[in-house]
Amino acid sequence: MQAIEKPELTETRQKTFSVLLIDDDTNILTIFKHSLAQAGMHTYGFTNPMLAVKHFRRNANSYDIVVTDICMPQMNGFQVARAVKQIRPDIKVAFATSFDINKSEFDKVFPSIEADAFITKPVKPSMSTEVSSVLQHTLQGWCYKV
C-alpha cells in the first residue's frame, strides 16, 4: 500500500470582503454593487439608511466595511457612520460623494466623524478595480481616495 501525499497549497487566496452599501439612488447602488461584485466582493445594498443601520445592528460581524452616501433623506451618511461605529467601533466606513474631499480638511470640519475612505461619484462600472483597491487599502488601515 502506497502512502498518499497531501498536496501542498501553492495558490494564495485573498480574503473576500463583505461590503454594506447605502445610497438612496437605486442606479448608483446598482452600479456600486456590480463594480464590487466584479472585484469579487460580497455586497448587500440599501436605499434606506435607517433600514441599513437596523440590518447592520443584526449582522454587524458579517461586514468588513460600510460604504455610504453622505446626502440622503431620513438619515445622512454622517449619522449612519456614527450609528455603525456605536454598534461596532472597529468597522471601516467609506463615504461616497460627488464632492472633492481632502482628508485633512474633512477632519477639521467634521472632527467627530471618522472617515476611513472617500469614493468620488459618479461611480462607473469600469471603476471596479479602483473601488476594490480603495476598500482593500482601507481595510488594511490606510485612508484612501479614488
Protein backbone atom coordinates (compact mmCIF):
# COMPACT_ATOMS: atom_id res chain seq x y z
CA MET A 1 0.00 0.00 0.00
CA GLN A 2 1.40 3.37 -1.03
CA ALA A 3 1.15 6.43 1.12
CA ILE A 4 -0.78 9.22 -0.50
CA GLU A 5 0.91 12.55 -0.18
CA LYS A 6 -1.17 15.52 0.75
CA PRO A 7 -0.81 18.15 -1.98
CA GLU A 8 0.67 21.42 -0.88
CA LEU A 9 -1.37 24.55 -1.33
CA THR A 10 0.59 26.73 -3.70
CA GLU A 11 -2.13 29.19 -4.52
CA THR A 12 -2.58 32.15 -2.19
CA ARG A 13 -6.10 33.41 -1.94
CA GLN A 14 -7.17 36.86 -0.94
CA LYS A 15 -9.93 37.29 1.58
CA THR A 16 -13.31 38.03 0.07
CA PHE A 17 -14.60 41.24 1.59
CA SER A 18 -18.20 41.90 2.55
CA VAL A 19 -19.48 45.41 1.94
CA LEU A 20 -22.65 47.09 3.18
CA LEU A 21 -23.62 49.71 0.57
CA ILE A 22 -26.00 52.58 1.30
CA ASP A 23 -27.15 55.07 -1.31
CA ASP A 24 -30.62 56.50 -1.83
CA ASP A 25 -30.13 56.47 -5.61
CA THR A 26 -31.03 53.00 -6.91
CA ASN A 27 -28.96 53.42 -10.08
CA ILE A 28 -25.81 54.36 -8.17
CA LEU A 29 -26.37 51.48 -5.75
CA THR A 30 -26.71 49.06 -8.68
CA ILE A 31 -23.50 50.31 -10.29
CA PHE A 32 -21.65 50.08 -6.95
CA LYS A 33 -22.88 46.53 -6.39
CA HIS A 34 -21.92 45.49 -9.91
CA SER A 35 -18.47 47.08 -9.65
CA LEU A 36 -17.68 45.42 -6.35
CA ALA A 37 -19.06 42.06 -7.47
CA GLN A 38 -16.72 42.28 -10.49
CA ALA A 39 -13.89 42.71 -7.98
CA GLY A 40 -15.01 39.59 -6.11
CA MET A 41 -16.59 41.32 -3.12
CA HIS A 42 -19.84 40.33 -1.47
CA THR A 43 -22.24 43.25 -1.25
CA TYR A 44 -25.56 43.98 0.38
CA GLY A 45 -27.24 47.24 -0.58
CA PHE A 46 -29.85 49.54 0.87
CA THR A 47 -31.52 52.68 -0.44
CA ASN A 48 -32.98 53.41 3.01
CA PRO A 49 -30.23 54.28 5.51
CA MET A 50 -32.43 53.59 8.55
CA LEU A 51 -33.12 50.05 7.34
CA ALA A 52 -29.43 49.62 6.59
CA VAL A 53 -28.46 50.53 10.17
CA LYS A 54 -31.15 48.21 11.52
CA HIS A 55 -29.77 45.42 9.32
CA PHE A 56 -26.20 46.22 10.41
CA ARG A 57 -27.24 46.01 14.07
CA ARG A 58 -28.34 42.39 13.50
CA ASN A 59 -25.43 41.47 11.20
CA ALA A 60 -22.53 43.67 12.31
CA ASN A 61 -19.92 40.93 12.24
CA SER A 62 -20.82 39.98 8.67
CA TYR A 63 -19.26 43.13 7.19
CA ASP A 64 -15.75 44.40 6.68
CA ILE A 65 -16.71 47.91 5.58
CA VAL A 66 -19.71 50.21 5.20
CA VAL A 67 -19.84 52.45 2.12
CA THR A 68 -22.41 55.20 2.47
CA ASP A 69 -23.58 58.21 0.51
CA ILE A 70 -23.44 61.44 2.52
CA CYS A 71 -26.59 63.26 1.36
CA MET A 72 -29.66 61.07 1.88
CA PRO A 73 -33.18 61.63 3.20
CA GLN A 74 -34.17 60.35 6.66
CA MET A 75 -30.58 59.87 7.81
CA ASN A 76 -27.38 61.30 6.32
CA GLY A 77 -24.12 59.43 5.88
CA PHE A 78 -22.56 61.05 8.94
CA GLN A 79 -25.41 59.76 11.09
CA VAL A 80 -25.00 56.33 9.51
CA ALA A 81 -21.27 56.38 10.30
CA ARG A 82 -21.90 57.30 13.93
CA ALA A 83 -24.57 54.62 14.29
CA VAL A 84 -22.50 51.78 12.84
CA LYS A 85 -19.43 52.84 14.85
CA GLN A 86 -21.55 52.74 18.04
CA ILE A 87 -22.59 49.20 17.15
CA ARG A 88 -19.12 48.08 16.10
CA PRO A 89 -16.32 50.62 16.73
CA ASP A 90 -13.77 48.85 14.52
CA ILE A 91 -15.92 48.86 11.35
CA LYS A 92 -14.39 50.78 8.45
CA VAL A 93 -16.55 53.50 6.88
CA ALA A 94 -16.11 54.95 3.42
CA PHE A 95 -18.06 57.96 2.20
CA ALA A 96 -19.23 58.08 -1.40
CA THR A 97 -19.72 61.66 -2.50
CA SER A 98 -19.82 63.94 -5.51
CA PHE A 99 -17.67 66.47 -3.67
CA ASP A 100 -13.89 66.53 -3.87
CA ILE A 101 -12.90 65.87 -0.27
CA ASN A 102 -9.47 66.22 1.26
CA LYS A 103 -8.99 64.06 4.40
CA SER A 104 -7.28 66.78 6.45
CA GLU A 105 -9.94 69.38 5.55
CA PHE A 106 -12.68 66.86 6.30
CA ASP A 107 -11.18 66.14 9.73
CA LYS A 108 -11.09 69.88 10.53
CA VAL A 109 -14.70 70.46 9.51
CA PHE A 110 -16.07 67.20 10.91
CA PRO A 111 -13.77 66.24 13.80
CA SER A 112 -16.33 63.89 15.36
CA ILE A 113 -16.76 61.82 12.18
CA GLU A 114 -14.26 59.06 11.50
CA ALA A 115 -13.78 58.59 7.75
CA ASP A 116 -11.63 55.72 6.56
CA ALA A 117 -12.01 56.36 2.82
CA PHE A 118 -13.65 58.56 0.22
CA ILE A 119 -15.03 57.36 -3.10
CA THR A 120 -15.80 60.10 -5.59
CA LYS A 121 -19.03 59.74 -7.55
CA PRO A 122 -20.11 59.17 -10.18
CA VAL A 123 -19.06 55.56 -9.86
CA LYS A 124 -18.78 53.85 -13.23
CA PRO A 125 -18.81 50.10 -13.88
CA SER A 126 -15.24 50.44 -15.14
CA MET A 127 -14.12 51.67 -11.68
CA SER A 128 -14.33 48.21 -10.09
CA THR A 129 -10.55 47.90 -9.83
CA GLU A 130 -10.13 51.33 -8.26
CA VAL A 131 -13.04 50.92 -5.84
CA SER A 132 -11.78 47.48 -4.86
CA SER A 133 -8.30 48.92 -4.27
CA VAL A 134 -9.69 51.70 -2.08
CA LEU A 135 -11.63 49.24 0.03
CA GLN A 136 -8.75 46.78 0.34
CA HIS A 137 -6.30 49.51 1.36
CA THR A 138 -8.83 50.93 3.80
CA LEU A 139 -9.30 47.53 5.38
CA GLN A 140 -5.53 47.35 5.80
CA GLY A 141 -5.65 50.59 7.79
CA TRP A 142 -4.91 53.24 5.16
CA CYS A 143 -7.12 56.21 4.43
CA TYR A 144 -7.64 56.21 0.73
CA LYS A 145 -9.46 58.07 -2.02
CA VAL A 146 -10.50 57.39 -5.62
